[in-house]
């Protein structure tokens, strides 16, 4: 495989990944819209907590504390609740 072919393959892989991400984001947007304000409110509430968890995890990656485990468990449960609200009835 030539360098040009490798570049084209890499570019196609990246374009495929971009397209997959766009499709997934669009699907979530549609589901959130259909789920109504309840799920959107739950998402808006959990999103900053998820960002906080990720930031704190990065800061304390070597010393995972009980507090961080509890936060992760709480976020996981809230995400499961949102996911349950998005399931078709």
Protein backbone atom coordinates (compact mmCIF):
# COMPACT_ATOMS: atom_id res chain seq x y z
CA UNK A 1 0.00 0.00 0.00
CA UNK A 2 1.38 3.34 -1.00
CA UNK A 3 1.53 6.39 1.26
CA UNK A 4 -1.30 8.00 -0.72
CA UNK A 5 -3.46 4.90 -0.27
CA UNK A 6 -2.69 4.82 3.45
CA UNK A 7 -3.62 8.50 3.76
CA UNK A 8 -6.89 7.88 1.91
CA UNK A 9 -7.67 4.89 4.14
CA UNK A 10 -6.95 6.91 7.29
CA UNK A 11 -9.04 9.80 5.99
CA UNK A 12 -11.91 7.44 5.20
CA UNK A 13 -11.66 5.86 8.66
CA UNK A 14 -11.79 9.31 10.25
CA UNK A 15 -14.74 10.32 8.07
CA UNK A 16 -16.55 7.10 9.01
CA UNK A 17 -15.90 7.80 12.69
CA UNK A 18 -17.17 11.37 12.29
CA UNK A 19 -20.30 10.10 10.56
CA UNK A 20 -20.89 7.49 13.29
CA UNK A 21 -20.55 10.16 15.97
CA UNK A 22 -22.95 12.47 14.17
CA UNK A 23 -25.50 9.67 13.79
CA UNK A 24 -25.23 8.77 17.48
CA UNK A 25 -25.57 12.41 18.54
CA UNK A 26 -28.57 12.88 16.24
CA UNK A 27 -30.21 9.76 17.64
CA UNK A 28 -29.74 10.99 21.20
CA UNK A 29 -31.11 14.43 20.27
CA UNK A 30 -34.23 12.84 18.77
CA UNK A 31 -34.72 10.54 21.76
CA UNK A 32 -34.26 13.43 24.19
CA UNK A 33 -36.78 15.49 22.24
CA UNK A 34 -39.28 12.65 22.24
CA UNK A 35 -38.67 11.84 25.89
CA UNK A 36 -39.72 15.34 26.81
CA UNK A 37 -38.57 17.83 29.33
CA UNK A 38 -38.28 15.33 32.19
CA UNK A 39 -35.38 13.49 30.56
CA UNK A 40 -33.81 16.75 29.37
CA UNK A 41 -33.94 18.18 32.87
CA UNK A 42 -32.36 15.00 34.23
CA UNK A 43 -29.64 15.20 31.55
CA UNK A 44 -28.98 18.88 32.26
CA UNK A 45 -28.61 18.04 35.95
CA UNK A 46 -26.29 15.07 35.48
CA UNK A 47 -24.01 16.51 32.78
CA UNK A 48 -22.08 18.88 35.12
CA UNK A 49 -21.73 16.05 37.65
CA UNK A 50 -20.28 13.82 34.97
CA UNK A 51 -17.80 16.53 33.98
CA UNK A 52 -16.90 17.00 37.66
CA UNK A 53 -16.31 13.26 38.04
CA UNK A 54 -14.05 13.16 34.98
CA UNK A 55 -12.07 16.20 36.16
CA UNK A 56 -11.66 14.80 39.65
CA UNK A 57 -10.75 11.38 38.33
CA UNK A 58 -7.98 12.90 36.22
CA UNK A 59 -6.70 14.79 39.27
CA UNK A 60 -6.77 11.75 41.55
CA UNK A 61 -6.20 8.87 39.15
CA UNK A 62 -3.60 7.31 41.42
CA UNK A 63 -5.54 7.74 44.65
CA UNK A 64 -9.15 6.87 43.95
CA UNK A 65 -11.05 7.82 47.07
CA UNK A 66 -14.30 6.54 48.54
CA UNK A 67 -15.84 9.94 47.81
CA UNK A 68 -15.02 9.57 44.12
CA UNK A 69 -16.39 6.03 44.08
CA UNK A 70 -19.64 7.29 45.63
CA UNK A 71 -19.89 10.10 43.09
CA UNK A 72 -19.30 7.65 40.25
CA UNK A 73 -21.96 5.31 41.62
CA UNK A 74 -24.46 8.16 41.93
CA UNK A 75 -23.79 9.34 38.37
CA UNK A 76 -24.10 5.79 37.04
CA UNK A 77 -27.50 5.37 38.69
CA UNK A 78 -28.71 8.71 37.33
CA UNK A 79 -27.54 7.79 33.83
CA UNK A 80 -29.40 4.48 34.09
CA UNK A 81 -32.52 6.40 35.13
CA UNK A 82 -32.21 8.68 32.11
CA UNK A 83 -31.62 5.70 29.84
CA UNK A 84 -34.77 4.02 31.19
CA UNK A 85 -36.76 7.16 30.39
CA UNK A 86 -35.49 7.05 26.80
CA UNK A 87 -36.61 3.46 26.15
CA UNK A 88 -39.60 3.17 23.84
CA UNK A 89 -42.76 2.29 25.67
